[in-house]
Amino acid sequence: MDDKANTLILGMGNPLLCDDSVGLKIAASLKDKVDQSEINVMETSIAGLALLDLMVGYQRAIIIDAIQTVGGKPGKIYQLDTRAFDSARRAVSPHDIDFTTALEFGTKLGLSMPEQITIFAIETSDVTTFSEECTPAVQKAIPRCIRMVLQELKKRG
């Protein structure tokens, strides 16, 4: 964590799997659009418990990632908080821990986790094809999501 930054913007995904890279692309674009002394922008391909190391010490986190829902329209952007994942908790093994469970685990360990977490999830259509490009509908969502994140940053938690 940057000693001065109290907000983390974390773009997540796999850079080689088509639409799954959308969170990474948005985070990369945001690096030039935010005050780096107050906001730390990172890109990551990790998940589960490994996310705790990235989030410790921040007061606020904005997470950007791909999502696939039943019947979802590619390119739709959902703005969520961690309560949206309450019904999706699971932990088959330590390597397969979902986001909410990881956050709860960090809190139970006494780690300084963000008090405010906002998630921007972009509905995808293809997360299995090897490609560094997003599908057209998801590509069109990138500038909209960037604007949404910048608007969220203006709010005080």
Protein backbone atom coordinates (compact mmCIF):
# COMPACT_ATOMS: atom_id res chain seq x y z
CA MET A 1 0.00 0.00 0.00
CA ASP A 2 1.14 3.53 -0.78
CA ASP A 3 1.46 5.34 2.58
CA LYS A 4 -0.58 8.33 1.37
CA ALA A 5 -3.22 6.53 -0.67
CA ASN A 6 -6.40 5.61 1.18
CA THR A 7 -8.33 4.36 -1.85
CA LEU A 8 -7.53 1.31 -3.93
CA ILE A 9 -8.85 0.80 -7.43
CA LEU A 10 -8.34 -2.84 -8.32
CA GLY A 11 -8.92 -4.10 -11.84
CA MET A 12 -9.19 -7.88 -11.96
CA GLY A 13 -9.11 -10.47 -14.71
CA ASN A 14 -7.07 -12.55 -17.08
CA PRO A 15 -5.36 -10.52 -19.83
CA LEU A 16 -5.44 -13.47 -22.24
CA LEU A 17 -9.12 -14.45 -22.00
CA CYS A 18 -11.13 -12.04 -24.14
CA ASP A 19 -13.80 -10.27 -22.02
CA ASP A 20 -12.26 -11.47 -18.75
CA SER A 21 -9.63 -8.76 -19.23
CA VAL A 22 -12.13 -5.88 -19.00
CA GLY A 23 -11.30 -5.02 -15.36
CA LEU A 24 -7.60 -4.85 -16.20
CA LYS A 25 -8.23 -2.59 -19.20
CA ILE A 26 -10.37 -0.19 -17.16
CA ALA A 27 -7.80 0.00 -14.34
CA ALA A 28 -5.00 0.67 -16.84
CA SER A 29 -7.03 3.54 -18.34
CA LEU A 30 -7.77 5.00 -14.90
CA LYS A 31 -4.08 5.30 -13.97
CA ASP A 32 -3.80 8.49 -16.04
CA LYS A 33 -7.11 9.90 -14.82
CA VAL A 34 -6.76 9.86 -11.01
CA ASP A 35 -4.53 11.54 -8.42
CA GLN A 36 -1.96 8.83 -7.72
CA SER A 37 -1.04 10.39 -4.37
CA GLU A 38 -4.50 9.66 -2.97
CA ILE A 39 -5.54 6.67 -5.06
CA ASN A 40 -3.58 3.54 -5.82
CA VAL A 41 -4.62 1.84 -9.07
CA MET A 42 -3.61 -1.79 -9.51
CA GLU A 43 -4.28 -4.60 -11.94
CA THR A 44 -4.30 -8.22 -10.81
CA SER A 45 -5.02 -11.72 -12.01
CA ILE A 46 -5.15 -13.18 -8.50
CA ALA A 47 -8.26 -14.14 -6.54
CA GLY A 48 -9.34 -15.67 -3.24
CA LEU A 49 -7.21 -15.19 -0.15
CA ALA A 50 -4.39 -13.63 -2.15
CA LEU A 51 -6.60 -10.54 -2.59
CA LEU A 52 -6.25 -9.78 1.11
CA ASP A 53 -2.61 -8.79 0.68
CA LEU A 54 -3.62 -6.18 -1.90
CA MET A 55 -6.52 -4.71 0.09
CA VAL A 56 -5.07 -4.43 3.60
CA GLY A 57 -4.63 -0.88 4.87
CA TYR A 58 -7.00 0.91 2.52
CA GLN A 59 -10.09 2.72 3.79
CA ARG A 60 -11.90 2.33 0.50
CA ALA A 61 -11.72 -0.09 -2.42
CA ILE A 62 -13.24 0.00 -5.88
CA ILE A 63 -13.04 -3.34 -7.62
CA ILE A 64 -13.62 -3.79 -11.35
CA ASP A 65 -14.17 -7.23 -12.81
CA ALA A 66 -16.03 -9.26 -15.41
CA ILE A 67 -19.24 -11.07 -14.50
CA GLN A 68 -21.51 -13.56 -16.22
CA THR A 69 -25.11 -13.84 -15.09
CA VAL A 70 -27.93 -15.98 -16.42
CA GLY A 71 -29.57 -14.02 -19.22
CA GLY A 72 -27.25 -11.02 -18.75
CA LYS A 73 -26.74 -8.57 -21.59
CA PRO A 74 -23.06 -8.23 -22.57
CA GLY A 75 -21.76 -4.76 -21.81
CA LYS A 76 -24.20 -4.08 -18.95
CA ILE A 77 -22.46 -2.57 -15.93
CA TYR A 78 -23.56 -3.48 -12.43
CA GLN A 79 -22.58 -1.36 -9.44
CA LEU A 80 -22.59 -3.62 -6.40
CA ASP A 81 -21.44 -3.76 -2.82
CA THR A 82 -20.29 -6.85 -0.95
CA ARG A 83 -23.84 -7.66 0.23
CA ALA A 84 -24.65 -8.64 -3.36
CA PHE A 85 -22.49 -11.72 -2.84
CA ASP A 86 -23.97 -12.85 0.50
CA SER A 87 -25.81 -15.79 -1.06
CA ALA A 88 -22.78 -16.93 -3.06
CA ARG A 89 -20.42 -17.90 -0.24
CA ARG A 90 -18.49 -21.10 -0.72
CA ALA A 91 -15.18 -22.58 0.21
CA VAL A 92 -14.37 -25.99 -1.18
CA SER A 93 -10.67 -25.53 -0.47
CA PRO A 94 -8.34 -22.67 0.53
CA HIS A 95 -7.58 -22.22 -3.18
CA ASP A 96 -11.28 -21.79 -4.02
CA ILE A 97 -12.44 -19.07 -1.64
CA ASP A 98 -14.88 -16.49 -2.97
CA PHE A 99 -14.51 -12.74 -2.52
CA THR A 100 -16.92 -12.30 0.41
CA THR A 101 -15.43 -15.21 2.34
CA ALA A 102 -11.94 -13.80 1.82
CA LEU A 103 -13.05 -10.41 3.17
CA GLU A 104 -14.68 -12.00 6.22
CA PHE A 105 -11.56 -14.06 6.83
CA GLY A 106 -9.39 -10.93 6.67
CA THR A 107 -11.64 -9.15 9.16
CA LYS A 108 -11.61 -12.14 11.53
CA LEU A 109 -7.81 -12.15 11.36
CA GLY A 110 -7.86 -8.53 12.49
CA LEU A 111 -6.52 -7.18 9.21
CA SER A 112 -7.29 -3.56 8.35
CA MET A 113 -9.76 -4.16 5.53
CA PRO A 114 -11.49 -1.39 3.57
CA GLU A 115 -14.61 -0.07 5.28
CA GLN A 116 -16.21 0.81 1.94
CA ILE A 117 -16.05 -1.53 -1.05
CA THR A 118 -17.75 -0.82 -4.36
CA ILE A 119 -17.71 -3.34 -7.18
CA PHE A 120 -18.20 -2.54 -10.84
CA ALA A 121 -18.99 -5.75 -12.70
CA ILE A 122 -19.23 -5.75 -16.49
CA GLU A 123 -21.42 -8.41 -18.06
CA THR A 124 -19.38 -10.45 -20.53
CA SER A 125 -20.13 -12.81 -23.37
CA ASP A 126 -16.79 -14.59 -23.87
CA VAL A 127 -14.34 -15.42 -21.09
CA THR A 128 -12.92 -18.60 -22.62
CA THR A 129 -11.45 -17.55 -25.98
CA PHE A 130 -7.77 -16.71 -25.98
CA SER A 131 -7.66 -13.09 -27.10
CA GLU A 132 -6.29 -9.83 -25.78
CA GLU A 133 -9.32 -7.97 -27.18
CA CYS A 134 -12.77 -7.71 -25.66
CA THR A 135 -15.92 -8.40 -27.65
CA PRO A 136 -17.55 -5.26 -29.16
CA ALA A 137 -20.31 -4.93 -26.52
CA VAL A 138 -17.82 -5.18 -23.66
CA GLN A 139 -15.38 -2.83 -25.40
CA LYS A 140 -18.17 -0.22 -25.62
CA ALA A 141 -18.77 -0.56 -21.86
CA ILE A 142 -15.18 0.40 -20.95
CA PRO A 143 -15.52 4.21 -21.31
CA ARG A 144 -18.90 4.12 -19.52
CA CYS A 145 -17.42 2.18 -16.62
CA ILE A 146 -14.45 4.56 -16.42
CA ARG A 147 -16.92 7.46 -16.05
CA MET A 148 -18.86 5.53 -13.39
CA VAL A 149 -15.68 4.86 -11.38
CA LEU A 150 -14.62 8.50 -11.60
CA GLN A 151 -18.09 9.54 -10.41
CA GLU A 152 -17.87 7.07 -7.52
CA LEU A 153 -14.51 8.55 -6.51
CA LYS A 154 -16.16 11.95 -6.07
CA LYS A 155 -18.44 10.50 -3.38
CA ARG A 156 -17.17 10.43 0.16
CA GLY A 157 -17.80 7.25 2.11
